[in-house]
Amino acid sequence: MTYTGYCEGNRFTVACHGVGAPSVAIVIEELAAFGARAIARLGTCGGLMKTMRIGDLVVATGAEYRRGTLDYYFTDKKVSLRPDWQLTKLLMDSAMKEGIEYYAGRVFSSDAFYIEDPDFISRSTREGYVAVQMECATLFGLGTLRDVKAACVLLVSDNLPRGQLMADADALYERTLNVGRLTLKSLGKLQMLRKSTGKAS
């Protein structure tokens, strides 16, 4: 589903995608083809820090993947996958202004929803990841390739080290609305900055 409308005088398109890298890649490619210059994704993640609570906000500052969709784009090597810092900083600033605490750090993008490797949690924590999800690496990689500013905010839906699994949609409903508004405000600020410098939004 895709909706286009206005929020506080700024024009936005809100697009939904399915689960995982192939699905998000299709949506990013099509949005970029239709002229999108900035994409901020709001999704969920599995928290990898014991201090994380259900509904906590994570701002992704980098992502890594082992194998998958991006191998078709970057055939010769793995690449360093980072979000656009300007948009990421706007998201952080908006969260602080709204009084929403957040975790910031690298996330791991996996194509396996149900990970069977029992060492995954401890290994990922040792390697410095704060959360696991399925789409950030693809978003950042295609953002770089298609010259689209890309960033990602995530809500913790389960805490893997503590064994808290999969909060339902109702538990995250209010938090999703609040972070959704925060995301739109950040994109609106980015539009204003781009207009002030004479760049197309």
N, C-alpha and C. Protein backbone atom coordinates (compact mmCIF):
# COMPACT_ATOMS: atom_id res chain seq x y z
N MET A 1 0.84 -1.18 0.00
CA MET A 1 0.00 0.00 0.00
C MET A 1 0.88 1.24 0.00
N THR A 2 0.45 2.24 -0.74
CA THR A 2 1.19 3.50 -0.83
C THR A 2 0.21 4.65 -0.75
N TYR A 3 0.52 5.62 0.11
CA TYR A 3 -0.32 6.79 0.27
C TYR A 3 0.53 8.03 0.11
N THR A 4 -0.02 9.05 -0.56
CA THR A 4 0.65 10.34 -0.70
C THR A 4 -0.27 11.43 -0.16
N GLY A 5 0.28 12.30 0.68
CA GLY A 5 -0.51 13.37 1.25
C GLY A 5 0.38 14.42 1.87
N TYR A 6 -0.21 15.28 2.69
CA TYR A 6 0.51 16.39 3.27
C TYR A 6 0.45 16.33 4.79
N CYS A 7 1.54 16.73 5.42
CA CYS A 7 1.62 16.84 6.87
C CYS A 7 2.37 18.12 7.19
N GLU A 8 1.68 19.04 7.87
CA GLU A 8 2.27 20.34 8.22
C GLU A 8 2.82 21.04 6.99
N GLY A 9 2.11 20.94 5.87
CA GLY A 9 2.48 21.63 4.65
C GLY A 9 3.51 20.93 3.79
N ASN A 10 4.02 19.81 4.25
CA ASN A 10 5.02 19.06 3.48
C ASN A 10 4.38 17.83 2.83
N ARG A 11 4.78 17.54 1.61
CA ARG A 11 4.22 16.41 0.86
C ARG A 11 5.07 15.16 1.10
N PHE A 12 4.40 14.09 1.49
CA PHE A 12 5.08 12.82 1.76
C PHE A 12 4.37 11.67 1.06
N THR A 13 5.14 10.63 0.79
CA THR A 13 4.58 9.35 0.38
C THR A 13 4.92 8.32 1.44
N VAL A 14 3.91 7.62 1.93
CA VAL A 14 4.11 6.55 2.90
C VAL A 14 3.88 5.23 2.18
N ALA A 15 4.87 4.38 2.16
CA ALA A 15 4.81 3.11 1.44
C ALA A 15 5.05 1.95 2.39
N CYS A 16 4.29 0.90 2.22
CA CYS A 16 4.49 -0.32 3.01
C CYS A 16 5.19 -1.37 2.14
N HIS A 17 6.01 -2.18 2.75
CA HIS A 17 6.66 -3.27 2.02
C HIS A 17 6.52 -4.54 2.82
N GLY A 18 6.82 -5.65 2.20
CA GLY A 18 6.74 -6.92 2.88
C GLY A 18 7.98 -7.18 3.71
N VAL A 19 8.14 -8.42 4.13
CA VAL A 19 9.23 -8.77 5.03
C VAL A 19 10.51 -9.06 4.26
N GLY A 20 11.62 -8.49 4.70
CA GLY A 20 12.92 -8.90 4.20
C GLY A 20 13.48 -8.05 3.08
N ALA A 21 14.73 -8.37 2.75
CA ALA A 21 15.50 -7.58 1.80
C ALA A 21 14.91 -7.53 0.38
N PRO A 22 14.48 -8.65 -0.21
CA PRO A 22 13.95 -8.56 -1.58
C PRO A 22 12.75 -7.62 -1.68
N SER A 23 11.87 -7.69 -0.69
CA SER A 23 10.67 -6.86 -0.72
C SER A 23 11.01 -5.39 -0.58
N VAL A 24 11.87 -5.06 0.39
CA VAL A 24 12.20 -3.64 0.58
C VAL A 24 12.99 -3.11 -0.61
N ALA A 25 13.80 -3.96 -1.25
CA ALA A 25 14.56 -3.52 -2.42
C ALA A 25 13.63 -3.09 -3.55
N ILE A 26 12.56 -3.83 -3.77
CA ILE A 26 11.60 -3.48 -4.83
C ILE A 26 10.99 -2.11 -4.55
N VAL A 27 10.57 -1.89 -3.30
CA VAL A 27 9.92 -0.63 -2.95
C VAL A 27 10.89 0.53 -3.07
N ILE A 28 12.13 0.36 -2.60
CA ILE A 28 13.11 1.44 -2.70
C ILE A 28 13.41 1.76 -4.16
N GLU A 29 13.60 0.74 -4.98
CA GLU A 29 13.87 0.97 -6.40
C GLU A 29 12.73 1.75 -7.06
N GLU A 30 11.50 1.38 -6.75
CA GLU A 30 10.35 2.03 -7.38
C GLU A 30 10.16 3.45 -6.87
N LEU A 31 10.36 3.67 -5.56
CA LEU A 31 10.27 5.02 -5.03
C LEU A 31 11.35 5.92 -5.64
N ALA A 32 12.56 5.39 -5.75
CA ALA A 32 13.65 6.17 -6.35
C ALA A 32 13.35 6.49 -7.81
N ALA A 33 12.77 5.52 -8.53
CA ALA A 33 12.43 5.74 -9.94
C ALA A 33 11.38 6.82 -10.09
N PHE A 34 10.50 6.96 -9.10
CA PHE A 34 9.45 7.98 -9.14
C PHE A 34 9.90 9.31 -8.54
N GLY A 35 11.17 9.39 -8.15
CA GLY A 35 11.71 10.68 -7.75
C GLY A 35 11.98 10.88 -6.27
N ALA A 36 11.84 9.85 -5.45
CA ALA A 36 12.13 10.01 -4.03
C ALA A 36 13.60 10.37 -3.83
N ARG A 37 13.84 11.36 -2.99
CA ARG A 37 15.21 11.79 -2.70
C ARG A 37 15.62 11.48 -1.27
N ALA A 38 14.65 11.09 -0.44
CA ALA A 38 14.94 10.74 0.94
C ALA A 38 13.94 9.69 1.40
N ILE A 39 14.43 8.67 2.09
CA ILE A 39 13.57 7.61 2.61
C ILE A 39 13.96 7.35 4.06
N ALA A 40 12.99 7.49 4.94
CA ALA A 40 13.19 7.14 6.35
C ALA A 40 12.27 5.96 6.65
N ARG A 41 12.86 4.86 7.06
CA ARG A 41 12.07 3.66 7.34
C ARG A 41 11.79 3.54 8.83
N LEU A 42 10.55 3.21 9.16
CA LEU A 42 10.14 2.89 10.52
C LEU A 42 9.77 1.42 10.56
N GLY A 43 10.49 0.65 11.37
CA GLY A 43 10.23 -0.78 11.45
C GLY A 43 10.41 -1.29 12.87
N THR A 44 10.50 -2.60 13.00
CA THR A 44 10.70 -3.22 14.30
C THR A 44 12.02 -4.00 14.28
N CYS A 45 12.46 -4.38 15.47
CA CYS A 45 13.72 -5.10 15.57
C CYS A 45 13.73 -5.97 16.82
N GLY A 46 14.64 -6.91 16.83
CA GLY A 46 14.92 -7.67 18.03
C GLY A 46 16.07 -7.00 18.76
N GLY A 47 15.83 -6.59 20.00
CA GLY A 47 16.87 -5.94 20.77
C GLY A 47 17.94 -6.92 21.21
N LEU A 48 19.19 -6.51 21.18
CA LEU A 48 20.31 -7.37 21.57
C LEU A 48 20.97 -6.92 22.86
N MET A 49 20.39 -5.90 23.50
CA MET A 49 20.91 -5.43 24.77
C MET A 49 19.89 -5.73 25.87
N LYS A 50 20.37 -6.27 26.98
CA LYS A 50 19.46 -6.67 28.04
C LYS A 50 18.67 -5.50 28.62
N THR A 51 19.21 -4.30 28.51
CA THR A 51 18.53 -3.13 29.05
C THR A 51 17.36 -2.66 28.20
N MET A 52 17.24 -3.16 26.99
CA MET A 52 16.17 -2.71 26.10
C MET A 52 14.82 -3.23 26.55
N ARG A 53 13.82 -2.34 26.45
CA ARG A 53 12.46 -2.70 26.78
C ARG A 53 11.62 -2.72 25.50
N ILE A 54 10.52 -3.45 25.55
CA ILE A 54 9.61 -3.47 24.41
C ILE A 54 9.13 -2.05 24.13
N GLY A 55 9.24 -1.63 22.88
CA GLY A 55 8.84 -0.29 22.49
C GLY A 55 9.95 0.73 22.49
N ASP A 56 11.14 0.37 22.98
CA ASP A 56 12.27 1.29 22.95
C ASP A 56 12.64 1.63 21.51
N LEU A 57 13.18 2.82 21.33
CA LEU A 57 13.54 3.30 20.01
C LEU A 57 15.02 3.05 19.74
N VAL A 58 15.31 2.55 18.53
CA VAL A 58 16.68 2.33 18.07
C VAL A 58 16.88 3.14 16.79
N VAL A 59 17.94 3.93 16.75
CA VAL A 59 18.32 4.65 15.52
C VAL A 59 19.54 3.94 14.95
N ALA A 60 19.39 3.40 13.76
CA ALA A 60 20.47 2.62 13.14
C ALA A 60 21.55 3.55 12.59
N THR A 61 22.79 3.33 13.03
CA THR A 61 23.92 4.13 12.54
C THR A 61 24.79 3.35 11.56
N GLY A 62 24.43 2.13 11.30
CA GLY A 62 25.15 1.28 10.36
C GLY A 62 24.48 -0.07 10.31
N ALA A 63 24.81 -0.85 9.31
CA ALA A 63 24.20 -2.18 9.17
C ALA A 63 25.20 -3.12 8.52
N GLU A 64 24.98 -4.42 8.77
CA GLU A 64 25.81 -5.44 8.13
C GLU A 64 24.92 -6.62 7.77
N TYR A 65 25.33 -7.32 6.72
CA TYR A 65 24.63 -8.54 6.31
C TYR A 65 25.68 -9.58 5.95
N ARG A 66 25.29 -10.82 5.95
CA ARG A 66 26.22 -11.90 5.58
C ARG A 66 26.10 -12.25 4.10
N ARG A 67 24.88 -12.41 3.65
CA ARG A 67 24.62 -12.75 2.26
C ARG A 67 23.17 -12.43 1.95
N GLY A 68 22.84 -12.30 0.66
CA GLY A 68 21.45 -12.03 0.33
C GLY A 68 21.29 -11.10 -0.86
N THR A 69 20.24 -10.30 -0.84
CA THR A 69 19.85 -9.47 -1.98
C THR A 69 20.98 -8.55 -2.44
N LEU A 70 21.70 -7.94 -1.51
CA LEU A 70 22.75 -6.99 -1.90
C LEU A 70 23.89 -7.65 -2.67
N ASP A 71 24.02 -8.97 -2.58
CA ASP A 71 25.06 -9.65 -3.36
C ASP A 71 24.82 -9.48 -4.86
N TYR A 72 23.57 -9.23 -5.25
CA TYR A 72 23.28 -9.02 -6.67
C TYR A 72 23.66 -7.61 -7.11
N TYR A 73 23.75 -6.69 -6.16
CA TYR A 73 24.14 -5.31 -6.48
C TYR A 73 25.64 -5.11 -6.32
N PHE A 74 26.20 -5.67 -5.27
CA PHE A 74 27.64 -5.55 -5.00
C PHE A 74 28.24 -6.94 -5.17
N THR A 75 28.57 -7.28 -6.41
CA THR A 75 28.95 -8.66 -6.72
C THR A 75 30.38 -9.00 -6.31
N ASP A 76 31.23 -7.98 -6.17
CA ASP A 76 32.65 -8.27 -5.95
C ASP A 76 33.07 -8.17 -4.50
N LYS A 77 32.27 -7.53 -3.66
CA LYS A 77 32.70 -7.35 -2.27
C LYS A 77 31.52 -6.93 -1.41
N LYS A 78 31.68 -7.08 -0.11
CA LYS A 78 30.75 -6.49 0.84
C LYS A 78 31.13 -5.01 1.00
N VAL A 79 30.16 -4.19 1.30
CA VAL A 79 30.40 -2.76 1.41
C VAL A 79 30.03 -2.28 2.81
N SER A 80 30.60 -1.16 3.19
CA SER A 80 30.24 -0.53 4.45
C SER A 80 28.90 0.16 4.26
N LEU A 81 27.92 -0.22 5.05
CA LEU A 81 26.56 0.26 4.86
C LEU A 81 26.17 1.19 6.00
N ARG A 82 26.05 2.47 5.66
CA ARG A 82 25.71 3.47 6.66
C ARG A 82 24.57 4.34 6.14
N PRO A 83 23.76 4.88 7.05
CA PRO A 83 22.68 5.77 6.63
C PRO A 83 23.22 7.14 6.28
N ASP A 84 22.35 7.96 5.73
CA ASP A 84 22.68 9.36 5.52
C ASP A 84 22.75 10.04 6.88
N TRP A 85 23.89 10.67 7.18
CA TRP A 85 24.06 11.21 8.52
C TRP A 85 23.16 12.42 8.78
N GLN A 86 22.93 13.26 7.77
CA GLN A 86 22.08 14.44 7.97
C GLN A 86 20.68 14.04 8.41
N LEU A 87 20.08 13.08 7.70
CA LEU A 87 18.74 12.63 8.05
C LEU A 87 18.74 11.89 9.38
N THR A 88 19.76 11.09 9.62
CA THR A 88 19.85 10.37 10.90
C THR A 88 19.96 11.33 12.07
N LYS A 89 20.74 12.39 11.90
CA LYS A 89 20.88 13.40 12.96
C LYS A 89 19.56 14.11 13.20
N LEU A 90 18.81 14.39 12.15
CA LEU A 90 17.50 15.02 12.31
C LEU A 90 16.55 14.12 13.10
N LEU A 91 16.62 12.82 12.85
CA LEU A 91 15.79 11.88 13.60
C LEU A 91 16.19 11.87 15.08
N MET A 92 17.48 11.87 15.35
CA MET A 92 17.95 11.90 16.74
C MET A 92 17.51 13.20 17.43
N ASP A 93 17.69 14.32 16.74
CA ASP A 93 17.32 15.61 17.32
C ASP A 93 15.82 15.68 17.59
N SER A 94 15.01 15.14 16.68
CA SER A 94 13.56 15.15 16.87
C SER A 94 13.17 14.29 18.06
N ALA A 95 13.84 13.14 18.21
CA ALA A 95 13.55 12.28 19.35
C ALA A 95 13.87 13.00 20.66
N MET A 96 15.00 13.67 20.72
CA MET A 96 15.38 14.39 21.92
C MET A 96 14.38 15.50 22.22
N LYS A 97 13.95 16.21 21.18
CA LYS A 97 13.00 17.30 21.37
C LYS A 97 11.67 16.79 21.89
N GLU A 98 11.29 15.57 21.46
CA GLU A 98 10.03 14.98 21.90
C GLU A 98 10.18 14.26 23.25
N GLY A 99 11.38 14.26 23.78
CA GLY A 99 11.61 13.58 25.05
C GLY A 99 11.63 12.07 24.95
N ILE A 100 11.95 11.55 23.77
CA ILE A 100 11.99 10.11 23.55
C ILE A 100 13.44 9.65 23.60
N GLU A 101 13.77 8.83 24.58
CA GLU A 101 15.11 8.28 24.66
C GLU A 101 15.30 7.24 23.56
N TYR A 102 16.53 7.06 23.12
CA TYR A 102 16.79 6.10 22.05
C TYR A 102 18.17 5.47 22.22
N TYR A 103 18.31 4.30 21.61
CA TYR A 103 19.60 3.66 21.45
C TYR A 103 20.09 3.96 20.04
N ALA A 104 21.36 4.21 19.88
CA ALA A 104 21.95 4.41 18.55
C ALA A 104 23.10 3.43 18.38
N GLY A 105 23.13 2.76 17.23
CA GLY A 105 24.21 1.81 17.00
C GLY A 105 24.00 0.99 15.74
N ARG A 106 24.97 0.13 15.49
CA ARG A 106 24.92 -0.72 14.29
C ARG A 106 23.91 -1.85 14.50
N VAL A 107 23.25 -2.21 13.42
CA VAL A 107 22.29 -3.32 13.46
C VAL A 107 22.71 -4.40 12.46
N PHE A 108 22.26 -5.60 12.72
CA PHE A 108 22.55 -6.71 11.81
C PHE A 108 21.30 -7.03 11.00
N SER A 109 21.46 -7.15 9.69
CA SER A 109 20.35 -7.47 8.80
C SER A 109 20.43 -8.94 8.41
N SER A 110 19.44 -9.71 8.81
CA SER A 110 19.41 -11.14 8.56
C SER A 110 18.25 -11.49 7.64
N ASP A 111 18.46 -12.47 6.78
CA ASP A 111 17.37 -12.97 5.94
C ASP A 111 16.61 -14.10 6.60
N ALA A 112 17.03 -14.50 7.80
CA ALA A 112 16.37 -15.60 8.50
C ALA A 112 15.56 -15.03 9.66
N PHE A 113 14.24 -15.12 9.57
CA PHE A 113 13.38 -14.59 10.63
C PHE A 113 13.52 -15.41 11.91
N TYR A 114 13.52 -16.71 11.76
CA TYR A 114 13.72 -17.60 12.90
C TYR A 114 15.14 -18.14 12.83
N ILE A 115 16.03 -17.53 13.57
CA ILE A 115 17.44 -17.90 13.50
C ILE A 115 17.68 -19.11 14.39
N GLU A 116 18.22 -20.16 13.80
CA GLU A 116 18.40 -21.40 14.55
C GLU A 116 19.76 -21.51 15.22
N ASP A 117 20.70 -20.65 14.86
CA ASP A 117 22.03 -20.71 15.43
C ASP A 117 21.98 -20.25 16.89
N PRO A 118 22.26 -21.12 17.84
CA PRO A 118 22.17 -20.76 19.26
C PRO A 118 23.22 -19.74 19.70
N ASP A 119 24.27 -19.58 18.90
CA ASP A 119 25.33 -18.63 19.26
C ASP A 119 25.10 -17.24 18.66
N PHE A 120 24.02 -17.08 17.92
CA PHE A 120 23.82 -15.82 17.21
C PHE A 120 23.76 -14.62 18.15
N ILE A 121 22.99 -14.72 19.23
CA ILE A 121 22.80 -13.58 20.12
C ILE A 121 24.12 -13.17 20.76
N SER A 122 24.84 -14.12 21.34
CA SER A 122 26.10 -13.78 22.00
C SER A 122 27.12 -13.27 21.00
N ARG A 123 27.18 -13.87 19.83
CA ARG A 123 28.15 -13.43 18.82
C ARG A 123 27.83 -12.01 18.34
N SER A 124 26.57 -11.74 18.08
CA SER A 124 26.18 -10.41 17.60
C SER A 124 26.45 -9.35 18.64
N THR A 125 26.21 -9.68 19.90
CA THR A 125 26.49 -8.74 20.98
C THR A 125 27.98 -8.45 21.07
N ARG A 126 28.80 -9.50 20.97
CA ARG A 126 30.26 -9.32 21.02
C ARG A 126 30.74 -8.44 19.87
N GLU A 127 30.09 -8.56 18.72
CA GLU A 127 30.50 -7.79 17.55
C GLU A 127 29.95 -6.37 17.56
N GLY A 128 29.19 -6.03 18.59
CA GLY A 128 28.78 -4.64 18.76
C GLY A 128 27.44 -4.23 18.18
N TYR A 129 26.65 -5.19 17.74
CA TYR A 129 25.33 -4.85 17.21
C TYR A 129 24.35 -4.62 18.35
N VAL A 130 23.47 -3.65 18.17
CA VAL A 130 22.48 -3.36 19.21
C VAL A 130 21.13 -4.01 18.90
N ALA A 131 20.92 -4.40 17.65
CA ALA A 131 19.62 -4.98 17.27
C ALA A 131 19.76 -5.80 16.00
N VAL A 132 18.78 -6.66 15.77
CA VAL A 132 18.73 -7.44 14.55
C VAL A 132 17.38 -7.21 13.88
N GLN A 133 17.41 -7.07 12.58
CA GLN A 133 16.20 -6.90 11.76
C GLN A 133 16.53 -7.41 10.37
N MET A 134 15.75 -7.06 9.36
CA MET A 134 15.93 -7.71 8.06
C MET A 134 16.15 -6.75 6.88
N GLU A 135 16.02 -5.44 7.09
CA GLU A 135 15.96 -4.55 5.93
C GLU A 135 16.98 -3.42 5.88
N CYS A 136 17.60 -3.07 6.99
CA CYS A 136 18.44 -1.86 7.02
C CYS A 136 19.59 -1.89 6.02
N ALA A 137 20.29 -3.01 5.94
CA ALA A 137 21.43 -3.08 5.03
C ALA A 137 21.02 -2.79 3.59
N THR A 138 19.91 -3.36 3.18
CA THR A 138 19.42 -3.13 1.82
C THR A 138 19.02 -1.67 1.62
N LEU A 139 18.35 -1.09 2.60
CA LEU A 139 17.97 0.32 2.52
C LEU A 139 19.20 1.22 2.38
N PHE A 140 20.21 1.00 3.20
CA PHE A 140 21.39 1.85 3.14
C PHE A 140 22.18 1.62 1.85
N GLY A 141 22.30 0.37 1.44
CA GLY A 141 23.03 0.07 0.21
C GLY A 141 22.40 0.69 -1.02
N LEU A 142 21.08 0.54 -1.15
CA LEU A 142 20.39 1.10 -2.32
C LEU A 142 20.29 2.61 -2.22
N GLY A 143 20.24 3.13 -1.00
CA GLY A 143 20.27 4.58 -0.86
C GLY A 143 21.54 5.16 -1.45
N THR A 144 22.67 4.51 -1.19
CA THR A 144 23.93 4.95 -1.76
C THR A 144 23.94 4.81 -3.28
N LEU A 145 23.48 3.69 -3.77
CA LEU A 145 23.50 3.44 -5.21
C LEU A 145 22.57 4.37 -5.98
N ARG A 146 21.42 4.69 -5.42
CA ARG A 146 20.40 5.48 -6.12
C ARG A 146 20.40 6.96 -5.72
N ASP A 147 21.40 7.36 -4.95
CA ASP A 147 21.53 8.75 -4.52
C ASP A 147 20.28 9.21 -3.76
N VAL A 148 19.85 8.38 -2.83
CA VAL A 148 18.69 8.69 -1.98
C VAL A 148 19.17 8.74 -0.54
N LYS A 149 18.85 9.81 0.16
CA LYS A 149 19.18 9.89 1.58
C LYS A 149 18.33 8.85 2.32
N ALA A 150 18.98 7.96 3.04
CA ALA A 150 18.28 6.86 3.70
C ALA A 150 18.63 6.81 5.18
N ALA A 151 17.61 6.55 5.99
CA ALA A 151 17.82 6.40 7.43
C ALA A 151 16.76 5.44 7.95
N CYS A 152 16.97 4.96 9.19
CA CYS A 152 16.05 3.97 9.72
C CYS A 152 15.92 4.11 11.23
N VAL A 153 14.67 4.12 11.69
CA VAL A 153 14.37 4.04 13.12
C VAL A 153 13.58 2.75 13.35
N LEU A 154 13.82 2.14 14.50
CA LEU A 154 13.25 0.83 14.79
C LEU A 154 12.67 0.81 16.20
N LEU A 155 11.59 0.08 16.37
CA LEU A 155 11.01 -0.14 17.68
C LEU A 155 11.32 -1.56 18.12
N VAL A 156 11.78 -1.72 19.34
CA VAL A 156 12.10 -3.04 19.87
C VAL A 156 10.81 -3.82 20.09
N SER A 157 10.66 -4.91 19.37
CA SER A 157 9.46 -5.75 19.50
C SER A 157 9.72 -6.99 20.35
N ASP A 158 11.01 -7.31 20.54
CA ASP A 158 11.36 -8.42 21.42
C ASP A 158 12.80 -8.24 21.91
N ASN A 159 13.08 -8.75 23.08
CA ASN A 159 14.43 -8.68 23.65
C ASN A 159 15.00 -10.08 23.64
N LEU A 160 15.94 -10.31 22.74
CA LEU A 160 16.45 -11.67 22.54
C LEU A 160 17.26 -12.19 23.73
N PRO A 161 18.17 -11.40 24.32
CA PRO A 161 18.92 -11.94 25.46
C PRO A 161 18.03 -12.33 26.65
N ARG A 162 16.91 -11.62 26.83
CA ARG A 162 16.04 -11.91 27.96
C ARG A 162 14.93 -12.89 27.60
N GLY A 163 14.86 -13.28 26.32
CA GLY A 163 13.84 -14.23 25.91
C GLY A 163 12.45 -13.66 25.81
N GLN A 164 12.32 -12.33 25.70
CA GLN A 164 11.03 -11.69 25.48
C GLN A 164 10.76 -11.68 23.98
N LEU A 165 9.76 -12.43 23.55
CA LEU A 165 9.56 -12.62 22.12
C LEU A 165 8.28 -11.98 21.62
N MET A 166 8.41 -11.24 20.54
CA MET A 166 7.34 -10.75 19.68
C MET A 166 6.15 -10.13 20.41
N ALA A 167 6.30 -8.85 20.75
CA ALA A 167 5.16 -8.09 21.24
C ALA A 167 4.13 -7.97 20.13
N ASP A 168 2.85 -7.99 20.48
CA ASP A 168 1.83 -7.88 19.45
C ASP A 168 1.65 -6.42 19.02
N ALA A 169 0.88 -6.22 17.96
CA ALA A 169 0.72 -4.88 17.38
C ALA A 169 0.12 -3.90 18.37
N ASP A 170 -0.80 -4.35 19.20
CA ASP A 170 -1.45 -3.45 20.16
C ASP A 170 -0.44 -2.87 21.15
N ALA A 171 0.55 -3.67 21.53
CA ALA A 171 1.55 -3.22 22.50
C ALA A 171 2.42 -2.10 21.94
N LEU A 172 2.55 -2.04 20.62
CA LEU A 172 3.41 -1.05 19.99
C LEU A 172 2.63 0.07 19.31
N TYR A 173 1.31 0.03 19.39
CA TYR A 173 0.47 0.94 18.60
C TYR A 173 0.77 2.42 18.90
N GLU A 174 0.66 2.82 20.15
CA GLU A 174 0.87 4.22 20.50
C GLU A 174 2.30 4.67 20.20
N ARG A 175 3.24 3.79 20.50
CA ARG A 175 4.64 4.11 20.25
C ARG A 175 4.88 4.29 18.75
N THR A 176 4.26 3.46 17.94
CA THR A 176 4.41 3.56 16.49
C THR A 176 3.88 4.89 15.98
N LEU A 177 2.72 5.32 16.49
CA LEU A 177 2.17 6.61 16.09
C LEU A 177 3.12 7.75 16.46
N ASN A 178 3.65 7.71 17.66
CA ASN A 178 4.54 8.78 18.12
C ASN A 178 5.82 8.85 17.29
N VAL A 179 6.41 7.69 17.03
CA VAL A 179 7.65 7.67 16.26
C VAL A 179 7.36 7.96 14.79
N GLY A 180 6.19 7.58 14.30
CA GLY A 180 5.80 7.94 12.94
C GLY A 180 5.72 9.44 12.76
N ARG A 181 5.13 10.13 13.73
CA ARG A 181 5.06 11.60 13.67
C ARG A 181 6.46 12.20 13.72
N LEU A 182 7.30 11.65 14.59
CA LEU A 182 8.68 12.11 14.71
C LEU A 182 9.41 11.96 13.36
N THR A 183 9.18 10.86 12.70
CA THR A 183 9.84 10.59 11.42
C THR A 183 9.39 11.58 10.35
N LEU A 184 8.09 11.85 10.29
CA LEU A 184 7.58 12.82 9.31
C LEU A 184 8.13 14.22 9.59
N LYS A 185 8.21 14.59 10.86
CA LYS A 185 8.76 15.90 11.20
C LYS A 185 10.21 16.01 10.76
N SER A 186 10.97 14.93 10.93
CA SER A 186 12.38 14.94 10.52
C SER A 186 12.51 15.08 9.01
N LEU A 187 11.68 14.36 8.28
CA LEU A 187 11.70 14.48 6.82
C LEU A 187 11.27 15.88 6.39
N GLY A 188 10.31 16.46 7.12
CA GLY A 188 9.88 17.83 6.82
C GLY A 188 11.01 18.82 7.01
N LYS A 189 11.78 18.65 8.07
CA LYS A 189 12.93 19.52 8.31
C LYS A 189 13.97 19.35 7.21
N LEU A 190 14.15 18.12 6.74
CA LEU A 190 15.09 17.88 5.66
C LEU A 190 14.63 18.60 4.40
N GLN A 191 13.32 18.55 4.10
CA GLN A 191 12.80 19.27 2.95
C GLN A 191 13.09 20.76 3.05
N MET A 192 12.88 21.33 4.22
CA MET A 192 13.13 22.76 4.42
C MET A 192 14.61 23.09 4.21
N LEU A 193 15.49 22.22 4.71
CA LEU A 193 16.92 22.45 4.54
C LEU A 193 17.31 22.40 3.06
N ARG A 194 16.74 21.44 2.35
CA ARG A 194 17.08 21.29 0.94
C ARG A 194 16.55 22.48 0.13
N LYS A 195 15.36 22.96 0.47
CA LYS A 195 14.80 24.13 -0.23
C LYS A 195 15.62 25.38 0.05
N SER A 196 16.11 25.48 1.30
CA SER A 196 16.89 26.67 1.65
C SER A 196 18.24 26.72 0.92
N THR A 197 18.71 25.55 0.49
CA THR A 197 19.97 25.49 -0.25
C THR A 197 19.75 25.40 -1.76
N GLY A 198 18.47 25.47 -2.16
CA GLY A 198 18.15 25.44 -3.59
C GLY A 198 18.14 24.09 -4.22
N LYS A 199 18.10 23.01 -3.39
CA LYS A 199 18.05 21.65 -3.92
C LYS A 199 16.62 21.14 -3.96
N ALA A 200 16.31 20.29 -4.93
CA ALA A 200 14.97 19.71 -5.03
C ALA A 200 14.74 18.78 -3.86
N SER A 201 13.50 18.72 -3.36
CA SER A 201 13.19 17.86 -2.22
C SER A 201 12.89 16.44 -2.65
